[in-house]
Amino acid sequence: MAALSAAAKLEPGDRAKWRWQKSAGSFMAGSGAGMISTTILQPFEVVKTHMQARDCPGGHSIRGAVRVISERDGVTGFWRGTGAACVRVGLGAGLYFAMLGPVLSTLQTIYTSGQSSGVSMHDKLPVAITMSAGSLTRLLASAMTCPITVVKTRMEYAAASGLNYTGTASALLAIKRTEGISGLYSGMVPTLLRDAPYSGLYLMLYNRIRYSLKDHFDPNNIPHTYINFVSGALAGSSATFFTHPPDVVRTRMQLERSQSTGIVSTVRQIVQVRNRAAWGTILA
């Protein structure tokens, strides 16, 4: 908050420069952190994609997916699509954090009738502002990175599908050539239905949990890093559970290629095949 107070005293030109530098810094930090975590956790993404696919040879279980990947691709198969995933997360997270500050400030200004000079995700904010800011920011970032998401999903499922793209750029060109521009945006609606609510819920829950922990525990005895980690873990797992069904639909639509039908028929097929419906994959 001290930085925000200092920024409010700057001249308009200097204030604009400060905001640009802050957004650029947020973009770089978000991109770097996103790519590192993506590389480490990519095996879980590959397993999840196999479990969500309609015709996974190993069935819809963790054990079956791991067996198929290891038998067909070996250990390296668990890092299929890492390049595309890093591009997607690096760009998406960078855009998200770069836009989040300005969006939060704009919504806070509207909420307080122009009395706000700037806020961040670490400030205690009204639920409506945190959910709206998180949802709107992720909506924009996800729409921009949808083609990369399609490539990531296709590459992760390569062990079962037999498709072997040589790289992210070649995959983009191949999909455009065989399926047209629409192929690069397959599953975009369920992607937005997942990402926008997820980020809105995550930001709201993170904000509330973080301040609840700070109220109940002495900050001098518990490092802020631990509080932030626990808040992020609880908020992320809760938001993931509630937005998981659209993620299953997204995966199915992006893997179907030219056979892709629509959201309604995809949902119907999932429900008919699995009595546990869309949440089946998270409980399998």
C-alpha atoms as a PDB file:
ATOM      1  CA  MET A   1       0.000   0.000   0.000  1.00  0.00           C
ATOM      2  CA  ALA A   2       2.935   2.332   0.587  1.00  0.00           C
ATOM      3  CA  ALA A   3       3.882   2.030  -3.077  1.00  0.00           C
ATOM      4  CA  LEU A   4       0.336   2.865  -4.101  1.00  0.00           C
ATOM      5  CA  SER A   5       0.297   5.933  -1.850  1.00  0.00           C
ATOM      6  CA  ALA A   6       3.585   7.094  -3.344  1.00  0.00           C
ATOM      7  CA  ALA A   7       2.247   6.528  -6.855  1.00  0.00           C
ATOM      8  CA  ALA A   8      -0.783   8.688  -6.111  1.00  0.00           C
ATOM      9  CA  LYS A   9       1.557  11.649  -5.494  1.00  0.00           C
ATOM     10  CA  LEU A  10       3.241  11.346  -8.898  1.00  0.00           C
ATOM     11  CA  GLU A  11       2.483  13.549 -11.868  1.00  0.00           C
ATOM     12  CA  PRO A  12       0.028  12.022 -14.416  1.00  0.00           C
ATOM     13  CA  GLY A  13       2.830  11.214 -16.880  1.00  0.00           C
ATOM     14  CA  ASP A  14       5.027   9.623 -14.219  1.00  0.00           C
ATOM     15  CA  ARG A  15       2.030   7.758 -12.795  1.00  0.00           C
ATOM     16  CA  ALA A  16       1.277   6.229 -16.201  1.00  0.00           C
ATOM     17  CA  LYS A  17       4.917   5.164 -16.520  1.00  0.00           C
ATOM     18  CA  TRP A  18       4.827   3.645 -13.026  1.00  0.00           C
ATOM     19  CA  ARG A  19       1.691   1.663 -13.860  1.00  0.00           C
ATOM     20  CA  TRP A  20       3.226   0.412 -17.117  1.00  0.00           C
ATOM     21  CA  GLN A  21       6.364  -0.703 -15.295  1.00  0.00           C
ATOM     22  CA  LYS A  22       4.263  -2.399 -12.606  1.00  0.00           C
ATOM     23  CA  SER A  23       2.213  -4.256 -15.248  1.00  0.00           C
ATOM     24  CA  ALA A  24       5.381  -5.293 -17.093  1.00  0.00           C
ATOM     25  CA  GLY A  25       6.877  -6.570 -13.847  1.00  0.00           C
ATOM     26  CA  SER A  26       3.692  -8.502 -13.067  1.00  0.00           C
ATOM     27  CA  PHE A  27       3.742  -9.990 -16.579  1.00  0.00           C
ATOM     28  CA  MET A  28       7.326 -11.215 -16.199  1.00  0.00           C
ATOM     29  CA  ALA A  29       6.805 -12.555 -12.683  1.00  0.00           C
ATOM     30  CA  GLY A  30       3.563 -14.310 -13.614  1.00  0.00           C
ATOM     31  CA  SER A  31       5.095 -15.814 -16.757  1.00  0.00           C
ATOM     32  CA  GLY A  32       8.212 -17.071 -14.997  1.00  0.00           C
ATOM     33  CA  ALA A  33       6.367 -18.598 -12.053  1.00  0.00           C
ATOM     34  CA  GLY A  34       3.783 -20.146 -14.366  1.00  0.00           C
ATOM     35  CA  MET A  35       6.355 -21.822 -16.607  1.00  0.00           C
ATOM     36  CA  ILE A  36       8.340 -23.236 -13.683  1.00  0.00           C
ATOM     37  CA  SER A  37       5.276 -24.720 -11.966  1.00  0.00           C
ATOM     38  CA  THR A  38       3.959 -26.035 -15.293  1.00  0.00           C
ATOM     39  CA  THR A  39       7.178 -27.907 -16.050  1.00  0.00           C
ATOM     40  CA  ILE A  40       7.184 -29.514 -12.602  1.00  0.00           C
ATOM     41  CA  LEU A  41       3.494 -30.479 -12.637  1.00  0.00           C
ATOM     42  CA  GLN A  42       3.125 -31.408 -16.324  1.00  0.00           C
ATOM     43  CA  PRO A  43       2.952 -35.196 -15.644  1.00  0.00           C
ATOM     44  CA  PHE A  44      -0.272 -34.649 -13.699  1.00  0.00           C
ATOM     45  CA  GLU A  45      -1.717 -32.674 -16.619  1.00  0.00           C
ATOM     46  CA  VAL A  46      -0.845 -35.462 -19.062  1.00  0.00           C
ATOM     47  CA  VAL A  47      -2.487 -38.086 -16.832  1.00  0.00           C
ATOM     48  CA  LYS A  48      -5.550 -35.879 -16.369  1.00  0.00           C
ATOM     49  CA  THR A  49      -5.941 -35.374 -20.118  1.00  0.00           C
ATOM     50  CA  HIS A  50      -5.842 -39.150 -20.701  1.00  0.00           C
ATOM     51  CA  MET A  51      -8.422 -39.725 -17.968  1.00  0.00           C
ATOM     52  CA  GLN A  52     -10.777 -37.131 -19.444  1.00  0.00           C
ATOM     53  CA  ALA A  53     -10.532 -38.435 -23.022  1.00  0.00           C
ATOM     54  CA  ARG A  54     -13.453 -40.416 -24.414  1.00  0.00           C
ATOM     55  CA  ASP A  55     -11.479 -43.414 -25.710  1.00  0.00           C
ATOM     56  CA  CYS A  56      -8.492 -43.640 -23.390  1.00  0.00           C
ATOM     57  CA  PRO A  57      -7.042 -47.171 -23.859  1.00  0.00           C
ATOM     58  CA  GLY A  58      -6.290 -47.458 -20.157  1.00  0.00           C
ATOM     59  CA  GLY A  59      -9.781 -46.510 -19.069  1.00  0.00           C
ATOM     60  CA  HIS A  60     -10.650 -43.529 -16.901  1.00  0.00           C
ATOM     61  CA  SER A  61      -8.435 -44.319 -13.927  1.00  0.00           C
ATOM     62  CA  ILE A  62      -5.118 -42.922 -12.777  1.00  0.00           C
ATOM     63  CA  ARG A  63      -3.483 -46.357 -12.872  1.00  0.00           C
ATOM     64  CA  GLY A  64      -4.726 -47.062 -16.400  1.00  0.00           C
ATOM     65  CA  ALA A  65      -3.606 -43.688 -17.739  1.00  0.00           C
ATOM     66  CA  VAL A  66      -0.156 -44.011 -16.164  1.00  0.00           C
ATOM     67  CA  ARG A  67       0.233 -47.525 -17.605  1.00  0.00           C
ATOM     68  CA  VAL A  68      -0.671 -46.437 -21.150  1.00  0.00           C
ATOM     69  CA  ILE A  69       1.664 -43.441 -21.078  1.00  0.00           C
ATOM     70  CA  SER A  70       4.619 -45.345 -19.621  1.00  0.00           C
ATOM     71  CA  GLU A  71       4.204 -48.335 -21.975  1.00  0.00           C
ATOM     72  CA  ARG A  72       3.903 -46.282 -25.158  1.00  0.00           C
ATOM     73  CA  ASP A  73       6.111 -43.270 -24.454  1.00  0.00           C
ATOM     74  CA  GLY A  74       8.222 -44.129 -21.438  1.00  0.00           C
ATOM     75  CA  VAL A  75       9.053 -41.602 -18.754  1.00  0.00           C
ATOM     76  CA  THR A  76       9.383 -38.764 -21.258  1.00  0.00           C
ATOM     77  CA  GLY A  77       5.742 -39.274 -22.227  1.00  0.00           C
ATOM     78  CA  PHE A  78       4.678 -37.682 -18.970  1.00  0.00           C
ATOM     79  CA  TRP A  79       6.181 -34.411 -20.194  1.00  0.00           C
ATOM     80  CA  ARG A  80       4.397 -34.440 -23.556  1.00  0.00           C
ATOM     81  CA  GLY A  81       3.176 -30.983 -24.473  1.00  0.00           C
ATOM     82  CA  THR A  82       5.393 -29.208 -21.951  1.00  0.00           C
ATOM     83  CA  GLY A  83       6.537 -26.682 -24.545  1.00  0.00           C
ATOM     84  CA  ALA A  84       2.984 -25.741 -25.517  1.00  0.00           C
ATOM     85  CA  ALA A  85       1.945 -25.758 -21.858  1.00  0.00           C
ATOM     86  CA  CYS A  86       4.760 -23.356 -20.959  1.00  0.00           C
ATOM     87  CA  VAL A  87       3.820 -21.043 -23.822  1.00  0.00           C
ATOM     88  CA  ARG A  88       0.170 -21.139 -22.773  1.00  0.00           C
ATOM     89  CA  VAL A  89       0.765 -20.674 -19.057  1.00  0.00           C
ATOM     90  CA  GLY A  90       3.605 -18.215 -19.518  1.00  0.00           C
ATOM     91  CA  LEU A  91       1.547 -16.041 -21.836  1.00  0.00           C
ATOM     92  CA  GLY A  92      -1.732 -16.615 -19.991  1.00  0.00           C
ATOM     93  CA  ALA A  93      -0.348 -16.031 -16.499  1.00  0.00           C
ATOM     94  CA  GLY A  94       1.627 -13.042 -17.719  1.00  0.00           C
ATOM     95  CA  LEU A  95      -1.465 -11.480 -19.266  1.00  0.00           C
ATOM     96  CA  TYR A  96      -3.553 -12.364 -16.218  1.00  0.00           C
ATOM     97  CA  PHE A  97      -1.277 -10.723 -13.670  1.00  0.00           C
ATOM     98  CA  ALA A  98      -0.536  -7.774 -15.944  1.00  0.00           C
ATOM     99  CA  MET A  99      -4.256  -7.066 -16.370  1.00  0.00           C
ATOM    100  CA  LEU A 100      -5.386  -7.983 -12.853  1.00  0.00           C
ATOM    101  CA  GLY A 101      -4.056  -4.850 -11.152  1.00  0.00           C
ATOM    102  CA  PRO A 102      -5.679  -2.376 -13.565  1.00  0.00           C
ATOM    103  CA  VAL A 103      -8.958  -4.334 -13.544  1.00  0.00           C
ATOM    104  CA  LEU A 104      -9.027  -4.438  -9.739  1.00  0.00           C
ATOM    105  CA  SER A 105      -8.291  -0.711  -9.550  1.00  0.00           C
ATOM    106  CA  THR A 106     -10.995   0.099 -12.111  1.00  0.00           C
ATOM    107  CA  LEU A 107     -13.636  -1.978 -10.319  1.00  0.00           C
ATOM    108  CA  GLN A 108     -12.613  -0.563  -6.937  1.00  0.00           C
ATOM    109  CA  THR A 109     -12.870   2.979  -8.327  1.00  0.00           C
ATOM    110  CA  ILE A 110     -16.373   2.259  -9.618  1.00  0.00           C
ATOM    111  CA  TYR A 111     -17.327   0.606  -6.315  1.00  0.00           C
ATOM    112  CA  THR A 112     -16.086   3.547  -4.217  1.00  0.00           C
ATOM    113  CA  SER A 113     -17.326   6.239  -6.606  1.00  0.00           C
ATOM    114  CA  GLY A 114     -13.849   7.289  -7.710  1.00  0.00           C
ATOM    115  CA  GLN A 115     -12.188   7.393  -4.269  1.00  0.00           C
ATOM    116  CA  SER A 116      -9.689   4.552  -4.863  1.00  0.00           C
ATOM    117  CA  SER A 117      -6.096   5.209  -5.915  1.00  0.00           C
ATOM    118  CA  GLY A 118      -5.241   1.571  -6.641  1.00  0.00           C
ATOM    119  CA  VAL A 119      -5.451  -1.896  -5.107  1.00  0.00           C
ATOM    120  CA  SER A 120      -3.821  -5.306  -5.392  1.00  0.00           C
ATOM    121  CA  MET A 121      -4.954  -8.901  -4.908  1.00  0.00           C
ATOM    122  CA  HIS A 122      -3.437  -8.812  -1.402  1.00  0.00           C
ATOM    123  CA  ASP A 123      -5.867  -6.121  -0.214  1.00  0.00           C
ATOM    124  CA  LYS A 124      -9.039  -7.173   1.578  1.00  0.00           C
ATOM    125  CA  LEU A 125     -11.703  -6.415  -1.010  1.00  0.00           C
ATOM    126  CA  PRO A 126     -15.464  -6.967  -1.360  1.00  0.00           C
ATOM    127  CA  VAL A 127     -16.469 -10.382  -2.735  1.00  0.00           C
ATOM    128  CA  ALA A 128     -18.122  -8.827  -5.796  1.00  0.00           C
ATOM    129  CA  ILE A 129     -14.907  -7.037  -6.788  1.00  0.00           C
ATOM    130  CA  THR A 130     -12.559 -10.002  -6.349  1.00  0.00           C
ATOM    131  CA  MET A 131     -14.849 -12.425  -8.201  1.00  0.00           C
ATOM    132  CA  SER A 132     -15.562  -9.965 -11.017  1.00  0.00           C
ATOM    133  CA  ALA A 133     -11.906  -8.999 -11.443  1.00  0.00           C
ATOM    134  CA  GLY A 134     -10.683 -12.589 -11.420  1.00  0.00           C
ATOM    135  CA  SER A 135     -13.358 -13.768 -13.856  1.00  0.00           C
ATOM    136  CA  LEU A 136     -12.999 -10.883 -16.311  1.00  0.00           C
ATOM    137  CA  THR A 137      -9.202 -11.019 -16.363  1.00  0.00           C
ATOM    138  CA  ARG A 138      -9.085 -14.787 -16.899  1.00  0.00           C
ATOM    139  CA  LEU A 139     -11.802 -14.568 -19.547  1.00  0.00           C
ATOM    140  CA  LEU A 140      -9.638 -12.229 -21.622  1.00  0.00           C
ATOM    141  CA  ALA A 141      -6.424 -14.208 -21.096  1.00  0.00           C
ATOM    142  CA  SER A 142      -8.069 -17.562 -21.893  1.00  0.00           C
ATOM    143  CA  ALA A 143      -9.656 -16.268 -25.089  1.00  0.00           C
ATOM    144  CA  MET A 144      -6.247 -15.047 -26.291  1.00  0.00           C
ATOM    145  CA  THR A 145      -4.492 -18.342 -25.535  1.00  0.00           C
ATOM    146  CA  CYS A 146      -7.200 -20.782 -26.689  1.00  0.00           C
ATOM    147  CA  PRO A 147      -5.260 -22.005 -29.790  1.00  0.00           C
ATOM    148  CA  ILE A 148      -2.266 -22.874 -27.598  1.00  0.00           C
ATOM    149  CA  THR A 149      -4.598 -24.737 -25.221  1.00  0.00           C
ATOM    150  CA  VAL A 150      -5.854 -26.869 -28.115  1.00  0.00           C
ATOM    151  CA  VAL A 151      -2.277 -27.727 -29.125  1.00  0.00           C
ATOM    152  CA  LYS A 152      -1.325 -28.522 -25.522  1.00  0.00           C
ATOM    153  CA  THR A 153      -4.251 -30.912 -25.125  1.00  0.00           C
ATOM    154  CA  ARG A 154      -3.565 -32.695 -28.427  1.00  0.00           C
ATOM    155  CA  MET A 155       0.142 -33.134 -27.612  1.00  0.00           C
ATOM    156  CA  GLU A 156      -0.579 -34.435 -24.106  1.00  0.00           C
ATOM    157  CA  TYR A 157      -2.789 -37.172 -25.548  1.00  0.00           C
ATOM    158  CA  ALA A 158      -0.230 -38.229 -28.179  1.00  0.00           C
ATOM    159  CA  ALA A 159       0.544 -41.544 -26.447  1.00  0.00           C
ATOM    160  CA  ALA A 160      -3.023 -42.718 -27.057  1.00  0.00           C
ATOM    161  CA  SER A 161      -3.950 -40.848 -30.252  1.00  0.00           C
ATOM    162  CA  GLY A 162      -0.763 -41.514 -32.195  1.00  0.00           C
ATOM    163  CA  LEU A 163      -0.530 -37.876 -33.312  1.00  0.00           C
ATOM    164  CA  ASN A 164       3.040 -36.624 -33.213  1.00  0.00           C
ATOM    165  CA  TYR A 165       3.468 -32.894 -33.664  1.00  0.00           C
ATOM    166  CA  THR A 166       7.076 -31.763 -33.925  1.00  0.00           C
ATOM    167  CA  GLY A 167       6.448 -28.553 -32.015  1.00  0.00           C
ATOM    168  CA  THR A 168       3.928 -25.924 -30.986  1.00  0.00           C
ATOM    169  CA  ALA A 169       4.264 -23.862 -34.178  1.00  0.00           C
ATOM    170  CA  SER A 170       3.976 -26.887 -36.478  1.00  0.00           C
ATOM    171  CA  ALA A 171       0.945 -28.103 -34.519  1.00  0.00           C
ATOM    172  CA  LEU A 172      -0.788 -24.744 -34.929  1.00  0.00           C
ATOM    173  CA  LEU A 173      -0.168 -24.833 -38.684  1.00  0.00           C
ATOM    174  CA  ALA A 174      -1.264 -28.477 -38.992  1.00  0.00           C
ATOM    175  CA  ILE A 175      -4.538 -27.894 -37.146  1.00  0.00           C
ATOM    176  CA  LYS A 176      -5.276 -24.761 -39.172  1.00  0.00           C
ATOM    177  CA  ARG A 177      -4.555 -26.631 -42.419  1.00  0.00           C
ATOM    178  CA  THR A 178      -6.746 -29.655 -41.641  1.00  0.00           C
ATOM    179  CA  GLU A 179      -9.509 -28.110 -39.518  1.00  0.00           C
ATOM    180  CA  GLY A 180      -9.419 -24.415 -40.297  1.00  0.00           C
ATOM    181  CA  ILE A 181      -9.398 -21.547 -37.829  1.00  0.00           C
ATOM    182  CA  SER A 182     -12.352 -23.086 -35.988  1.00  0.00           C
ATOM    183  CA  GLY A 183     -10.158 -26.056 -35.068  1.00  0.00           C
ATOM    184  CA  LEU A 184      -7.827 -23.753 -33.153  1.00  0.00           C
ATOM    185  CA  TYR A 185     -10.767 -22.512 -31.097  1.00  0.00           C
ATOM    186  CA  SER A 186     -12.477 -25.854 -30.495  1.00  0.00           C
ATOM    187  CA  GLY A 187     -13.753 -26.125 -26.954  1.00  0.00           C
ATOM    188  CA  MET A 188     -13.444 -22.393 -26.396  1.00  0.00           C
ATOM    189  CA  VAL A 189     -16.851 -22.002 -24.734  1.00  0.00           C
ATOM    190  CA  PRO A 190     -16.265 -24.697 -22.072  1.00  0.00           C
ATOM    191  CA  THR A 191     -12.745 -23.293 -21.645  1.00  0.00           C
ATOM    192  CA  LEU A 192     -14.195 -19.901 -20.750  1.00  0.00           C
ATOM    193  CA  LEU A 193     -16.912 -21.535 -18.629  1.00  0.00           C
ATOM    194  CA  ARG A 194     -14.140 -23.196 -16.656  1.00  0.00           C
ATOM    195  CA  ASP A 195     -11.485 -20.484 -16.491  1.00  0.00           C
ATOM    196  CA  ALA A 196     -13.627 -17.434 -15.727  1.00  0.00           C
ATOM    197  CA  PRO A 197     -15.504 -18.953 -12.745  1.00  0.00           C
ATOM    198  CA  TYR A 198     -12.311 -20.674 -11.574  1.00  0.00           C
ATOM    199  CA  SER A 199     -10.334 -17.451 -11.374  1.00  0.00           C
ATOM    200  CA  GLY A 200     -13.227 -15.555  -9.835  1.00  0.00           C
ATOM    201  CA  LEU A 201     -13.670 -18.203  -7.135  1.00  0.00           C
ATOM    202  CA  TYR A 202      -9.927 -18.573  -6.626  1.00  0.00           C
ATOM    203  CA  LEU A 203      -9.245 -14.871  -6.154  1.00  0.00           C
ATOM    204  CA  MET A 204     -12.222 -14.444  -3.823  1.00  0.00           C
ATOM    205  CA  LEU A 205     -11.387 -17.539  -1.731  1.00  0.00           C
ATOM    206  CA  TYR A 206      -7.667 -16.723  -1.636  1.00  0.00           C
ATOM    207  CA  ASN A 207      -8.427 -13.209  -0.430  1.00  0.00           C
ATOM    208  CA  ARG A 208     -10.836 -14.391   2.271  1.00  0.00           C
ATOM    209  CA  ILE A 209      -8.811 -17.386   3.480  1.00  0.00           C
ATOM    210  CA  ARG A 210      -5.620 -15.338   3.641  1.00  0.00           C
ATOM    211  CA  TYR A 211      -7.183 -12.683   5.836  1.00  0.00           C
ATOM    212  CA  SER A 212      -8.924 -15.273   8.030  1.00  0.00           C
ATOM    213  CA  LEU A 213      -5.588 -16.980   8.685  1.00  0.00           C
ATOM    214  CA  LYS A 214      -3.921 -13.649   9.438  1.00  0.00           C
ATOM    215  CA  ASP A 215      -6.711 -12.848  11.913  1.00  0.00           C
ATOM    216  CA  HIS A 216      -6.383 -16.202  13.708  1.00  0.00           C
ATOM    217  CA  PHE A 217      -2.607 -16.613  13.752  1.00  0.00           C
ATOM    218  CA  ASP A 218       0.167 -14.308  14.853  1.00  0.00           C
ATOM    219  CA  PRO A 219       1.977 -13.135  11.680  1.00  0.00           C
ATOM    220  CA  ASN A 220       5.167 -12.874  13.741  1.00  0.00           C
ATOM    221  CA  ASN A 221       5.133 -16.631  14.398  1.00  0.00           C
ATOM    222  CA  ILE A 222       4.004 -17.818  10.950  1.00  0.00           C
ATOM    223  CA  PRO A 223       5.819 -16.538   7.837  1.00  0.00           C
ATOM    224  CA  HIS A 224       3.673 -14.854   5.205  1.00  0.00           C
ATOM    225  CA  THR A 225       4.925 -17.445   2.716  1.00  0.00           C
ATOM    226  CA  TYR A 226       3.166 -20.238   4.613  1.00  0.00           C
ATOM    227  CA  ILE A 227      -0.057 -18.259   4.882  1.00  0.00           C
ATOM    228  CA  ASN A 228       0.011 -17.491   1.164  1.00  0.00           C
ATOM    229  CA  PHE A 229       0.777 -21.135   0.299  1.00  0.00           C
ATOM    230  CA  VAL A 230      -2.046 -22.558   2.423  1.00  0.00           C
ATOM    231  CA  SER A 231      -4.461 -19.920   1.144  1.00  0.00           C
ATOM    232  CA  GLY A 232      -3.527 -20.660  -2.458  1.00  0.00           C
ATOM    233  CA  ALA A 233      -3.753 -24.432  -1.994  1.00  0.00           C
ATOM    234  CA  LEU A 234      -7.186 -24.318  -0.346  1.00  0.00           C
ATOM    235  CA  ALA A 235      -8.543 -21.762  -2.810  1.00  0.00           C
ATOM    236  CA  GLY A 236      -7.143 -23.632  -5.816  1.00  0.00           C
ATOM    237  CA  SER A 237      -8.432 -27.062  -4.815  1.00  0.00           C
ATOM    238  CA  SER A 238     -11.902 -25.707  -4.017  1.00  0.00           C
ATOM    239  CA  ALA A 239     -12.169 -23.741  -7.261  1.00  0.00           C
ATOM    240  CA  THR A 240     -10.878 -26.726  -9.271  1.00  0.00           C
ATOM    241  CA  PHE A 241     -13.523 -29.062  -7.843  1.00  0.00           C
ATOM    242  CA  PHE A 242     -16.425 -26.776  -8.698  1.00  0.00           C
ATOM    243  CA  THR A 243     -15.204 -25.966 -12.217  1.00  0.00           C
ATOM    244  CA  HIS A 244     -14.051 -29.480 -13.158  1.00  0.00           C
ATOM    245  CA  PRO A 245     -17.046 -30.496 -15.344  1.00  0.00           C
ATOM    246  CA  PRO A 246     -16.410 -27.788 -17.985  1.00  0.00           C
ATOM    247  CA  ASP A 247     -12.778 -28.921 -18.058  1.00  0.00           C
ATOM    248  CA  VAL A 248     -13.842 -32.466 -18.982  1.00  0.00           C
ATOM    249  CA  VAL A 249     -16.077 -31.097 -21.749  1.00  0.00           C
ATOM    250  CA  ARG A 250     -13.234 -28.874 -23.009  1.00  0.00           C
ATOM    251  CA  THR A 251     -10.818 -31.796 -23.222  1.00  0.00           C
ATOM    252  CA  ARG A 252     -13.294 -33.992 -25.098  1.00  0.00           C
ATOM    253  CA  MET A 253     -14.103 -31.280 -27.645  1.00  0.00           C
ATOM    254  CA  GLN A 254     -10.456 -30.387 -28.259  1.00  0.00           C
ATOM    255  CA  LEU A 255      -9.450 -34.022 -28.785  1.00  0.00           C
ATOM    256  CA  GLU A 256     -12.271 -34.883 -31.184  1.00  0.00           C
ATOM    257  CA  ARG A 257     -10.751 -32.857 -34.022  1.00  0.00           C
ATOM    258  CA  SER A 258     -13.075 -32.766 -37.067  1.00  0.00           C
ATOM    259  CA  GLN A 259     -15.484 -35.165 -35.344  1.00  0.00           C
ATOM    260  CA  SER A 260     -16.300 -32.591 -32.689  1.00  0.00           C
ATOM    261  CA  THR A 261     -20.012 -31.994 -32.294  1.00  0.00           C
ATOM    262  CA  GLY A 262     -21.164 -29.533 -29.689  1.00  0.00           C
ATOM    263  CA  ILE A 263     -21.334 -28.842 -25.974  1.00  0.00           C
ATOM    264  CA  VAL A 264     -24.782 -30.373 -25.452  1.00  0.00           C
ATOM    265  CA  SER A 265     -24.020 -33.607 -27.304  1.00  0.00           C
ATOM    266  CA  THR A 266     -20.625 -33.870 -25.587  1.00  0.00           C
ATOM    267  CA  VAL A 267     -22.205 -33.487 -22.149  1.00  0.00           C
ATOM    268  CA  ARG A 268     -24.899 -36.023 -23.062  1.00  0.00           C
ATOM    269  CA  GLN A 269     -22.275 -38.537 -24.172  1.00  0.00           C
ATOM    270  CA  ILE A 270     -20.285 -38.098 -20.939  1.00  0.00           C
ATOM    271  CA  VAL A 271     -23.374 -38.595 -18.775  1.00  0.00           C
ATOM    272  CA  GLN A 272     -24.526 -41.644 -20.745  1.00  0.00           C
ATOM    273  CA  VAL A 273     -21.141 -43.369 -20.620  1.00  0.00           C
ATOM    274  CA  ARG A 274     -20.354 -42.589 -17.012  1.00  0.00           C
ATOM    275  CA  ASN A 275     -23.011 -42.546 -14.328  1.00  0.00           C
ATOM    276  CA  ARG A 276     -20.800 -40.308 -12.206  1.00  0.00           C
ATOM    277  CA  ALA A 277     -21.035 -37.716 -14.986  1.00  0.00           C
ATOM    278  CA  ALA A 278     -18.555 -34.898 -15.282  1.00  0.00           C
ATOM    279  CA  TRP A 279     -17.126 -35.251 -11.793  1.00  0.00           C
ATOM    280  CA  GLY A 280     -16.226 -38.877 -12.483  1.00  0.00           C
ATOM    281  CA  THR A 281     -12.693 -38.090 -13.548  1.00  0.00           C
ATOM    282  CA  ILE A 282     -11.864 -36.251 -10.358  1.00  0.00           C
ATOM    283  CA  LEU A 283     -13.176 -39.124  -8.227  1.00  0.00           C
ATOM    284  CA  ALA A 284     -11.791 -42.028 -10.275  1.00  0.00           C
END
